[in-house]
Amino acid sequence: MKKLPPFDAADYLDSDEVIAEYLNAALEDENPDVFLVAVRDVAKARGMAQLAKDTGLGRESLYKALSPGAKPRYDTVLKLVRALGVELRATAATPK
């Protein structure tokens, strides 16, 4: 039986549109770690070194902020999202 390599979402995040949809899907989950994992995947796809440079944060700080269970500050998340070329927007929720 042939062994498949592990799935890595970063391999498929190759356009701004795909990245935006991926992050939107992660934001729909109630677990905040899902969004952080998605941001980490996008950061990996774009290059962690470049992201560190664009945000002014050290690579170690980025890895720590995006690690499972991390509770990064809002300003850190905002820097990351902006450096990734994504905008977060609020919309009215549909009644349940």
PDB file of N, CA and C in Angstrom:
ATOM      1  N   MET A   1       0.836  -1.165   0.000  1.00  0.00           N
ATOM      2  CA  MET A   1       0.000   0.000   0.000  1.00  0.00           C
ATOM      3  C   MET A   1       0.893   1.244   0.000  1.00  0.00           C
ATOM      4  N   LYS A   2       0.559   2.175  -0.855  1.00  0.00           N
ATOM      5  CA  LYS A   2       1.329   3.398  -0.973  1.00  0.00           C
ATOM      6  C   LYS A   2       0.931   4.377   0.132  1.00  0.00           C
ATOM      7  N   LYS A   3       1.944   4.985   0.755  1.00  0.00           N
ATOM      8  CA  LYS A   3       1.694   5.952   1.817  1.00  0.00           C
ATOM      9  C   LYS A   3       1.558   7.350   1.217  1.00  0.00           C
ATOM     10  N   LEU A   4       0.507   8.043   1.634  1.00  0.00           N
ATOM     11  CA  LEU A   4       0.282   9.400   1.167  1.00  0.00           C
ATOM     12  C   LEU A   4       0.936  10.394   2.110  1.00  0.00           C
ATOM     13  N   PRO A   5       1.447  11.500   1.566  1.00  0.00           N
ATOM     14  CA  PRO A   5       2.014  12.519   2.451  1.00  0.00           C
ATOM     15  C   PRO A   5       0.892  13.167   3.263  1.00  0.00           C
ATOM     16  N   PRO A   6       1.214  13.704   4.438  1.00  0.00           N
ATOM     17  CA  PRO A   6       0.179  14.351   5.242  1.00  0.00           C
ATOM     18  C   PRO A   6      -0.397  15.565   4.514  1.00  0.00           C
ATOM     19  N   PHE A   7      -1.676  15.808   4.747  1.00  0.00           N
ATOM     20  CA  PHE A   7      -2.341  16.949   4.123  1.00  0.00           C
ATOM     21  C   PHE A   7      -1.814  18.237   4.734  1.00  0.00           C
ATOM     22  N   ASP A   8      -1.532  19.215   3.880  1.00  0.00           N
ATOM     23  CA  ASP A   8      -1.094  20.534   4.333  1.00  0.00           C
ATOM     24  C   ASP A   8      -1.891  21.571   3.562  1.00  0.00           C
ATOM     25  N   ALA A   9      -2.805  22.251   4.243  1.00  0.00           N
ATOM     26  CA  ALA A   9      -3.670  23.243   3.594  1.00  0.00           C
ATOM     27  C   ALA A   9      -2.856  24.332   2.914  1.00  0.00           C
ATOM     28  N   ALA A  10      -1.681  24.653   3.456  1.00  0.00           N
ATOM     29  CA  ALA A  10      -0.847  25.709   2.887  1.00  0.00           C
ATOM     30  C   ALA A  10      -0.499  25.434   1.423  1.00  0.00           C
ATOM     31  N   ASP A  11      -0.461  24.165   1.038  1.00  0.00           N
ATOM     32  CA  ASP A  11      -0.138  23.806  -0.345  1.00  0.00           C
ATOM     33  C   ASP A  11      -1.209  24.268  -1.338  1.00  0.00           C
ATOM     34  N   TYR A  12      -2.406  24.553  -0.849  1.00  0.00           N
ATOM     35  CA  TYR A  12      -3.526  24.902  -1.721  1.00  0.00           C
ATOM     36  C   TYR A  12      -3.947  26.360  -1.617  1.00  0.00           C
ATOM     37  N   LEU A  13      -3.292  27.120  -0.757  1.00  0.00           N
ATOM     38  CA  LEU A  13      -3.633  28.525  -0.560  1.00  0.00           C
ATOM     39  C   LEU A  13      -2.795  29.375  -1.505  1.00  0.00           C
ATOM     40  N   ASP A  14      -3.189  29.353  -2.769  1.00  0.00           N
ATOM     41  CA  ASP A  14      -2.358  29.949  -3.817  1.00  0.00           C
ATOM     42  C   ASP A  14      -2.939  31.207  -4.460  1.00  0.00           C
ATOM     43  N   SER A  15      -4.032  31.718  -3.919  1.00  0.00           N
ATOM     44  CA  SER A  15      -4.574  32.976  -4.454  1.00  0.00           C
ATOM     45  C   SER A  15      -5.272  33.730  -3.331  1.00  0.00           C
ATOM     46  N   ASP A  16      -5.417  35.032  -3.514  1.00  0.00           N
ATOM     47  CA  ASP A  16      -6.081  35.853  -2.505  1.00  0.00           C
ATOM     48  C   ASP A  16      -7.517  35.411  -2.277  1.00  0.00           C
ATOM     49  N   GLU A  17      -8.192  34.987  -3.338  1.00  0.00           N
ATOM     50  CA  GLU A  17      -9.582  34.559  -3.219  1.00  0.00           C
ATOM     51  C   GLU A  17      -9.702  33.279  -2.402  1.00  0.00           C
ATOM     52  N   VAL A  18      -8.833  32.331  -2.653  1.00  0.00           N
ATOM     53  CA  VAL A  18      -8.847  31.065  -1.917  1.00  0.00           C
ATOM     54  C   VAL A  18      -8.522  31.321  -0.442  1.00  0.00           C
ATOM     55  N   ILE A  19      -7.550  32.184  -0.200  1.00  0.00           N
ATOM     56  CA  ILE A  19      -7.173  32.518   1.171  1.00  0.00           C
ATOM     57  C   ILE A  19      -8.340  33.165   1.908  1.00  0.00           C
ATOM     58  N   ALA A  20      -9.008  34.106   1.266  1.00  0.00           N
ATOM     59  CA  ALA A  20     -10.141  34.785   1.891  1.00  0.00           C
ATOM     60  C   ALA A  20     -11.259  33.798   2.222  1.00  0.00           C
ATOM     61  N   GLU A  21     -11.568  32.900   1.320  1.00  0.00           N
ATOM     62  CA  GLU A  21     -12.614  31.900   1.568  1.00  0.00           C
ATOM     63  C   GLU A  21     -12.213  30.953   2.693  1.00  0.00           C
ATOM     64  N   TYR A  22     -10.964  30.577   2.722  1.00  0.00           N
ATOM     65  CA  TYR A  22     -10.458  29.683   3.765  1.00  0.00           C
ATOM     66  C   TYR A  22     -10.592  30.345   5.142  1.00  0.00           C
ATOM     67  N   LEU A  23     -10.185  31.607   5.240  1.00  0.00           N
ATOM     68  CA  LEU A  23     -10.289  32.321   6.507  1.00  0.00           C
ATOM     69  C   LEU A  23     -11.746  32.559   6.892  1.00  0.00           C
ATOM     70  N   ASN A  24     -12.601  32.871   5.920  1.00  0.00           N
ATOM     71  CA  ASN A  24     -14.030  33.044   6.213  1.00  0.00           C
ATOM     72  C   ASN A  24     -14.636  31.759   6.776  1.00  0.00           C
ATOM     73  N   ALA A  25     -14.276  30.638   6.193  1.00  0.00           N
ATOM     74  CA  ALA A  25     -14.785  29.361   6.690  1.00  0.00           C
ATOM     75  C   ALA A  25     -14.299  29.121   8.118  1.00  0.00           C
ATOM     76  N   ALA A  26     -13.053  29.468   8.410  1.00  0.00           N
ATOM     77  CA  ALA A  26     -12.518  29.285   9.758  1.00  0.00           C
ATOM     78  C   ALA A  26     -13.222  30.197  10.763  1.00  0.00           C
ATOM     79  N   LEU A  27     -13.583  31.397  10.337  1.00  0.00           N
ATOM     80  CA  LEU A  27     -14.278  32.325  11.227  1.00  0.00           C
ATOM     81  C   LEU A  27     -15.674  31.842  11.590  1.00  0.00           C
ATOM     82  N   GLU A  28     -16.262  30.990  10.785  1.00  0.00           N
ATOM     83  CA  GLU A  28     -17.597  30.461  11.066  1.00  0.00           C
ATOM     84  C   GLU A  28     -17.591  29.464  12.215  1.00  0.00           C
ATOM     85  N   ASP A  29     -16.433  28.905  12.525  1.00  0.00           N
ATOM     86  CA  ASP A  29     -16.337  27.933  13.614  1.00  0.00           C
ATOM     87  C   ASP A  29     -16.291  28.670  14.955  1.00  0.00           C
ATOM     88  N   GLU A  30     -16.975  28.144  15.944  1.00  0.00           N
ATOM     89  CA  GLU A  30     -17.007  28.772  17.263  1.00  0.00           C
ATOM     90  C   GLU A  30     -15.695  28.640  18.022  1.00  0.00           C
ATOM     91  N   ASN A  31     -14.876  27.690  17.645  1.00  0.00           N
ATOM     92  CA  ASN A  31     -13.593  27.468  18.306  1.00  0.00           C
ATOM     93  C   ASN A  31     -12.568  28.459  17.753  1.00  0.00           C
ATOM     94  N   PRO A  32     -12.047  29.380  18.573  1.00  0.00           N
ATOM     95  CA  PRO A  32     -11.091  30.372  18.063  1.00  0.00           C
ATOM     96  C   PRO A  32      -9.791  29.760  17.562  1.00  0.00           C
ATOM     97  N   ASP A  33      -9.456  28.565  18.044  1.00  0.00           N
ATOM     98  CA  ASP A  33      -8.234  27.914  17.578  1.00  0.00           C
ATOM     99  C   ASP A  33      -8.313  27.573  16.093  1.00  0.00           C
ATOM    100  N   VAL A  34      -9.519  27.348  15.583  1.00  0.00           N
ATOM    101  CA  VAL A  34      -9.678  27.029  14.160  1.00  0.00           C
ATOM    102  C   VAL A  34      -9.207  28.210  13.315  1.00  0.00           C
ATOM    103  N   PHE A  35      -9.570  29.417  13.715  1.00  0.00           N
ATOM    104  CA  PHE A  35      -9.131  30.603  12.976  1.00  0.00           C
ATOM    105  C   PHE A  35      -7.615  30.770  13.071  1.00  0.00           C
ATOM    106  N   LEU A  36      -7.044  30.560  14.246  1.00  0.00           N
ATOM    107  CA  LEU A  36      -5.594  30.699  14.378  1.00  0.00           C
ATOM    108  C   LEU A  36      -4.838  29.674  13.538  1.00  0.00           C
ATOM    109  N   VAL A  37      -5.362  28.465  13.466  1.00  0.00           N
ATOM    110  CA  VAL A  37      -4.741  27.445  12.611  1.00  0.00           C
ATOM    111  C   VAL A  37      -4.822  27.877  11.150  1.00  0.00           C
ATOM    112  N   ALA A  38      -5.950  28.439  10.755  1.00  0.00           N
ATOM    113  CA  ALA A  38      -6.109  28.904   9.379  1.00  0.00           C
ATOM    114  C   ALA A  38      -5.129  30.044   9.082  1.00  0.00           C
ATOM    115  N   VAL A  39      -4.982  30.978  10.008  1.00  0.00           N
ATOM    116  CA  VAL A  39      -4.014  32.070   9.818  1.00  0.00           C
ATOM    117  C   VAL A  39      -2.610  31.503   9.731  1.00  0.00           C
ATOM    118  N   ARG A  40      -2.306  30.507  10.560  1.00  0.00           N
ATOM    119  CA  ARG A  40      -0.987  29.869  10.499  1.00  0.00           C
ATOM    120  C   ARG A  40      -0.763  29.202   9.150  1.00  0.00           C
ATOM    121  N   ASP A  41      -1.786  28.540   8.613  1.00  0.00           N
ATOM    122  CA  ASP A  41      -1.666  27.911   7.298  1.00  0.00           C
ATOM    123  C   ASP A  41      -1.395  28.958   6.210  1.00  0.00           C
ATOM    124  N   VAL A  42      -2.099  30.071   6.298  1.00  0.00           N
ATOM    125  CA  VAL A  42      -1.897  31.142   5.313  1.00  0.00           C
ATOM    126  C   VAL A  42      -0.498  31.740   5.468  1.00  0.00           C
ATOM    127  N   ALA A  43      -0.075  31.936   6.707  1.00  0.00           N
ATOM    128  CA  ALA A  43       1.268  32.466   6.958  1.00  0.00           C
ATOM    129  C   ALA A  43       2.331  31.539   6.377  1.00  0.00           C
ATOM    130  N   LYS A  44       2.121  30.245   6.546  1.00  0.00           N
ATOM    131  CA  LYS A  44       3.062  29.262   5.993  1.00  0.00           C
ATOM    132  C   LYS A  44       3.075  29.334   4.474  1.00  0.00           C
ATOM    133  N   ALA A  45       1.897  29.475   3.879  1.00  0.00           N
ATOM    134  CA  ALA A  45       1.810  29.554   2.418  1.00  0.00           C
ATOM    135  C   ALA A  45       2.497  30.801   1.877  1.00  0.00           C
ATOM    136  N   ARG A  46       2.375  31.900   2.597  1.00  0.00           N
ATOM    137  CA  ARG A  46       2.970  33.168   2.164  1.00  0.00           C
ATOM    138  C   ARG A  46       4.437  33.295   2.548  1.00  0.00           C
ATOM    139  N   GLY A  47       4.863  32.540   3.533  1.00  0.00           N
ATOM    140  CA  GLY A  47       6.249  32.609   3.993  1.00  0.00           C
ATOM    141  C   GLY A  47       6.345  33.294   5.342  1.00  0.00           C
ATOM    142  N   MET A  48       6.709  32.541   6.353  1.00  0.00           N
ATOM    143  CA  MET A  48       6.754  33.067   7.709  1.00  0.00           C
ATOM    144  C   MET A  48       7.799  34.175   7.846  1.00  0.00           C
ATOM    145  N   ALA A  49       8.921  34.045   7.166  1.00  0.00           N
ATOM    146  CA  ALA A  49       9.969  35.076   7.256  1.00  0.00           C
ATOM    147  C   ALA A  49       9.468  36.408   6.695  1.00  0.00           C
ATOM    148  N   GLN A  50       8.785  36.347   5.565  1.00  0.00           N
ATOM    149  CA  GLN A  50       8.245  37.572   4.967  1.00  0.00           C
ATOM    150  C   GLN A  50       7.175  38.178   5.857  1.00  0.00           C
ATOM    151  N   LEU A  51       6.343  37.346   6.443  1.00  0.00           N
ATOM    152  CA  LEU A  51       5.294  37.823   7.325  1.00  0.00           C
ATOM    153  C   LEU A  51       5.892  38.495   8.563  1.00  0.00           C
ATOM    154  N   ALA A  52       6.947  37.915   9.098  1.00  0.00           N
ATOM    155  CA  ALA A  52       7.621  38.524  10.243  1.00  0.00           C
ATOM    156  C   ALA A  52       8.128  39.911   9.876  1.00  0.00           C
ATOM    157  N   LYS A  53       8.701  40.019   8.715  1.00  0.00           N
ATOM    158  CA  LYS A  53       9.208  41.312   8.246  1.00  0.00           C
ATOM    159  C   LYS A  53       8.065  42.314   8.063  1.00  0.00           C
ATOM    160  N   ASP A  54       6.971  41.872   7.451  1.00  0.00           N
ATOM    161  CA  ASP A  54       5.834  42.761   7.170  1.00  0.00           C
ATOM    162  C   ASP A  54       5.114  43.224   8.435  1.00  0.00           C
ATOM    163  N   THR A  55       5.119  42.393   9.475  1.00  0.00           N
ATOM    164  CA  THR A  55       4.419  42.749  10.713  1.00  0.00           C
ATOM    165  C   THR A  55       5.323  43.428  11.725  1.00  0.00           C
ATOM    166  N   GLY A  56       6.619  43.290  11.540  1.00  0.00           N
ATOM    167  CA  GLY A  56       7.551  43.824  12.525  1.00  0.00           C
ATOM    168  C   GLY A  56       7.684  42.933  13.752  1.00  0.00           C
ATOM    169  N   LEU A  57       7.168  41.730  13.656  1.00  0.00           N
ATOM    170  CA  LEU A  57       7.261  40.768  14.749  1.00  0.00           C
ATOM    171  C   LEU A  57       8.341  39.742  14.427  1.00  0.00           C
ATOM    172  N   GLY A  58       8.965  39.202  15.448  1.00  0.00           N
ATOM    173  CA  GLY A  58       9.962  38.158  15.248  1.00  0.00           C
ATOM    174  C   GLY A  58       9.299  36.855  14.831  1.00  0.00           C
ATOM    175  N   ARG A  59      10.032  36.017  14.106  1.00  0.00           N
ATOM    176  CA  ARG A  59       9.479  34.729  13.676  1.00  0.00           C
ATOM    177  C   ARG A  59       9.060  33.885  14.870  1.00  0.00           C
ATOM    178  N   GLU A  60       9.869  33.910  15.925  1.00  0.00           N
ATOM    179  CA  GLU A  60       9.529  33.132  17.113  1.00  0.00           C
ATOM    180  C   GLU A  60       8.210  33.611  17.710  1.00  0.00           C
ATOM    181  N   SER A  61       8.007  34.923  17.712  1.00  0.00           N
ATOM    182  CA  SER A  61       6.761  35.489  18.238  1.00  0.00           C
ATOM    183  C   SER A  61       5.573  35.053  17.393  1.00  0.00           C
ATOM    184  N   LEU A  62       5.768  34.991  16.077  1.00  0.00           N
ATOM    185  CA  LEU A  62       4.688  34.544  15.194  1.00  0.00           C
ATOM    186  C   LEU A  62       4.328  33.099  15.470  1.00  0.00           C
ATOM    187  N   TYR A  63       5.335  32.246  15.550  1.00  0.00           N
ATOM    188  CA  TYR A  63       5.067  30.832  15.820  1.00  0.00           C
ATOM    189  C   TYR A  63       4.348  30.668  17.151  1.00  0.00           C
ATOM    190  N   LYS A  64       4.775  31.435  18.162  1.00  0.00           N
ATOM    191  CA  LYS A  64       4.143  31.353  19.478  1.00  0.00           C
ATOM    192  C   LYS A  64       2.695  31.843  19.412  1.00  0.00           C
ATOM    193  N   ALA A  65       2.455  32.957  18.740  1.00  0.00           N
ATOM    194  CA  ALA A  65       1.098  33.517  18.643  1.00  0.00           C
ATOM    195  C   ALA A  65       0.153  32.601  17.880  1.00  0.00           C
ATOM    196  N   LEU A  66       0.680  31.813  16.955  1.00  0.00           N
ATOM    197  CA  LEU A  66      -0.150  30.953  16.116  1.00  0.00           C
ATOM    198  C   LEU A  66      -0.117  29.486  16.538  1.00  0.00           C
ATOM    199  N   SER A  67       0.457  29.213  17.687  1.00  0.00           N
ATOM    200  CA  SER A  67       0.511  27.836  18.148  1.00  0.00           C
ATOM    201  C   SER A  67      -0.833  27.429  18.756  1.00  0.00           C
ATOM    202  N   PRO A  68      -1.143  26.133  18.739  1.00  0.00           N
ATOM    203  CA  PRO A  68      -2.410  25.668  19.315  1.00  0.00           C
ATOM    204  C   PRO A  68      -2.556  26.096  20.771  1.00  0.00           C
ATOM    205  N   GLY A  69      -3.722  26.624  21.105  1.00  0.00           N
ATOM    206  CA  GLY A  69      -3.996  27.060  22.456  1.00  0.00           C
ATOM    207  C   GLY A  69      -3.513  28.460  22.789  1.00  0.00           C
ATOM    208  N   ALA A  70      -2.844  29.119  21.835  1.00  0.00           N
ATOM    209  CA  ALA A  70      -2.353  30.477  22.075  1.00  0.00           C
ATOM    210  C   ALA A  70      -3.525  31.444  22.195  1.00  0.00           C
ATOM    211  N   LYS A  71      -3.300  32.487  22.887  1.00  0.00           N
ATOM    212  CA  LYS A  71      -4.297  33.547  23.048  1.00  0.00           C
ATOM    213  C   LYS A  71      -3.649  34.869  22.633  1.00  0.00           C
ATOM    214  N   PRO A  72      -3.403  35.043  21.314  1.00  0.00           N
ATOM    215  CA  PRO A  72      -2.720  36.266  20.882  1.00  0.00           C
ATOM    216  C   PRO A  72      -3.579  37.501  21.121  1.00  0.00           C
ATOM    217  N   ARG A  73      -2.912  38.605  21.310  1.00  0.00           N
ATOM    218  CA  ARG A  73      -3.609  39.876  21.493  1.00  0.00           C
ATOM    219  C   ARG A  73      -4.275  40.283  20.185  1.00  0.00           C
ATOM    220  N   TYR A  74      -5.311  41.082  20.328  1.00  0.00           N
ATOM    221  CA  TYR A  74      -6.055  41.556  19.157  1.00  0.00           C
ATOM    222  C   TYR A  74      -5.136  42.303  18.198  1.00  0.00           C
ATOM    223  N   ASP A  75      -4.262  43.157  18.728  1.00  0.00           N
ATOM    224  CA  ASP A  75      -3.392  43.926  17.837  1.00  0.00           C
ATOM    225  C   ASP A  75      -2.436  43.018  17.066  1.00  0.00           C
ATOM    226  N   THR A  76      -2.036  41.916  17.660  1.00  0.00           N
ATOM    227  CA  THR A  76      -1.176  40.959  16.947  1.00  0.00           C
ATOM    228  C   THR A  76      -1.942  40.307  15.804  1.00  0.00           C
ATOM    229  N   VAL A  77      -3.165  39.871  16.085  1.00  0.00           N
ATOM    230  CA  VAL A  77      -3.992  39.254  15.040  1.00  0.00           C
ATOM    231  C   VAL A  77      -4.257  40.259  13.924  1.00  0.00           C
ATOM    232  N   LEU A  78      -4.537  41.498  14.281  1.00  0.00           N
ATOM    233  CA  LEU A  78      -4.794  42.529  13.279  1.00  0.00           C
ATOM    234  C   LEU A  78      -3.571  42.768  12.400  1.00  0.00           C
ATOM    235  N   LYS A  79      -2.391  42.827  12.994  1.00  0.00           N
ATOM    236  CA  LYS A  79      -1.153  42.983  12.215  1.00  0.00           C
ATOM    237  C   LYS A  79      -0.978  41.820  11.244  1.00  0.00           C
ATOM    238  N   LEU A  80      -1.222  40.615  11.735  1.00  0.00           N
ATOM    239  CA  LEU A  80      -1.072  39.423  10.897  1.00  0.00           C
ATOM    240  C   LEU A  80      -2.032  39.455   9.718  1.00  0.00           C
ATOM    241  N   VAL A  81      -3.288  39.718  10.005  1.00  0.00           N
ATOM    242  CA  VAL A  81      -4.311  39.702   8.957  1.00  0.00           C
ATOM    243  C   VAL A  81      -4.009  40.770   7.907  1.00  0.00           C
ATOM    244  N   ARG A  82      -3.646  41.950   8.349  1.00  0.00           N
ATOM    245  CA  ARG A  82      -3.326  43.029   7.397  1.00  0.00           C
ATOM    246  C   ARG A  82      -2.097  42.690   6.563  1.00  0.00           C
ATOM    247  N   ALA A  83      -1.084  42.118   7.204  1.00  0.00           N
ATOM    248  CA  ALA A  83       0.130  41.743   6.464  1.00  0.00           C
ATOM    249  C   ALA A  83      -0.151  40.642   5.452  1.00  0.00           C
ATOM    250  N   LEU A  84      -1.176  39.837   5.719  1.00  0.00           N
ATOM    251  CA  LEU A  84      -1.551  38.775   4.776  1.00  0.00           C
ATOM    252  C   LEU A  84      -2.422  39.302   3.642  1.00  0.00           C
ATOM    253  N   GLY A  85      -2.769  40.587   3.704  1.00  0.00           N
ATOM    254  CA  GLY A  85      -3.563  41.186   2.633  1.00  0.00           C
ATOM    255  C   GLY A  85      -5.041  40.861   2.724  1.00  0.00           C
ATOM    256  N   VAL A  86      -5.520  40.647   3.949  1.00  0.00           N
ATOM    257  CA  VAL A  86      -6.914  40.278   4.164  1.00  0.00           C
ATOM    258  C   VAL A  86      -7.566  41.331   5.046  1.00  0.00           C
ATOM    259  N   GLU A  87      -8.844  41.576   4.810  1.00  0.00           N
ATOM    260  CA  GLU A  87      -9.612  42.480   5.653  1.00  0.00           C
ATOM    261  C   GLU A  87     -10.678  41.683   6.383  1.00  0.00           C
ATOM    262  N   LEU A  88     -10.849  41.976   7.662  1.00  0.00           N
ATOM    263  CA  LEU A  88     -11.937  41.376   8.426  1.00  0.00           C
ATOM    264  C   LEU A  88     -13.070  42.392   8.465  1.00  0.00           C
ATOM    265  N   ARG A  89     -14.279  41.936   8.224  1.00  0.00           N
ATOM    266  CA  ARG A  89     -15.452  42.830   8.215  1.00  0.00           C
ATOM    267  C   ARG A  89     -16.557  42.187   9.028  1.00  0.00           C
ATOM    268  N   ALA A  90     -17.365  43.041   9.637  1.00  0.00           N
ATOM    269  CA  ALA A  90     -18.522  42.566  10.379  1.00  0.00           C
ATOM    270  C   ALA A  90     -19.764  42.719   9.508  1.00  0.00           C
ATOM    271  N   THR A  91     -20.651  41.743   9.581  1.00  0.00           N
ATOM    272  CA  THR A  91     -21.934  41.821   8.901  1.00  0.00           C
ATOM    273  C   THR A  91     -23.020  41.427   9.897  1.00  0.00           C
ATOM    274  N   ALA A  92     -24.202  41.889   9.653  1.00  0.00           N
ATOM    275  CA  ALA A  92     -25.311  41.539  10.524  1.00  0.00           C
ATOM    276  C   ALA A  92     -25.573  40.039  10.435  1.00  0.00           C
ATOM    277  N   ALA A  93     -25.783  39.440  11.579  1.00  0.00           N
ATOM    278  CA  ALA A  93     -26.066  38.007  11.617  1.00  0.00           C
ATOM    279  C   ALA A  93     -27.519  37.773  11.204  1.00  0.00           C
ATOM    280  N   THR A  94     -27.731  36.659  10.563  1.00  0.00           N
ATOM    281  CA  THR A  94     -29.108  36.299  10.201  1.00  0.00           C
ATOM    282  C   THR A  94     -29.765  35.681  11.414  1.00  0.00           C
ATOM    283  N   PRO A  95     -31.010  36.030  11.683  1.00  0.00           N
ATOM    284  CA  PRO A  95     -31.701  35.469  12.855  1.00  0.00           C
ATOM    285  C   PRO A  95     -31.814  33.946  12.742  1.00  0.00           C
ATOM    286  N   LYS A  96     -31.747  33.301  13.883  1.00  0.00           N
ATOM    287  CA  LYS A  96     -31.840  31.835  13.907  1.00  0.00           C
ATOM    288  C   LYS A  96     -33.244  31.384  14.121  1.00  0.00           C
TER     289      LYS A  96
END
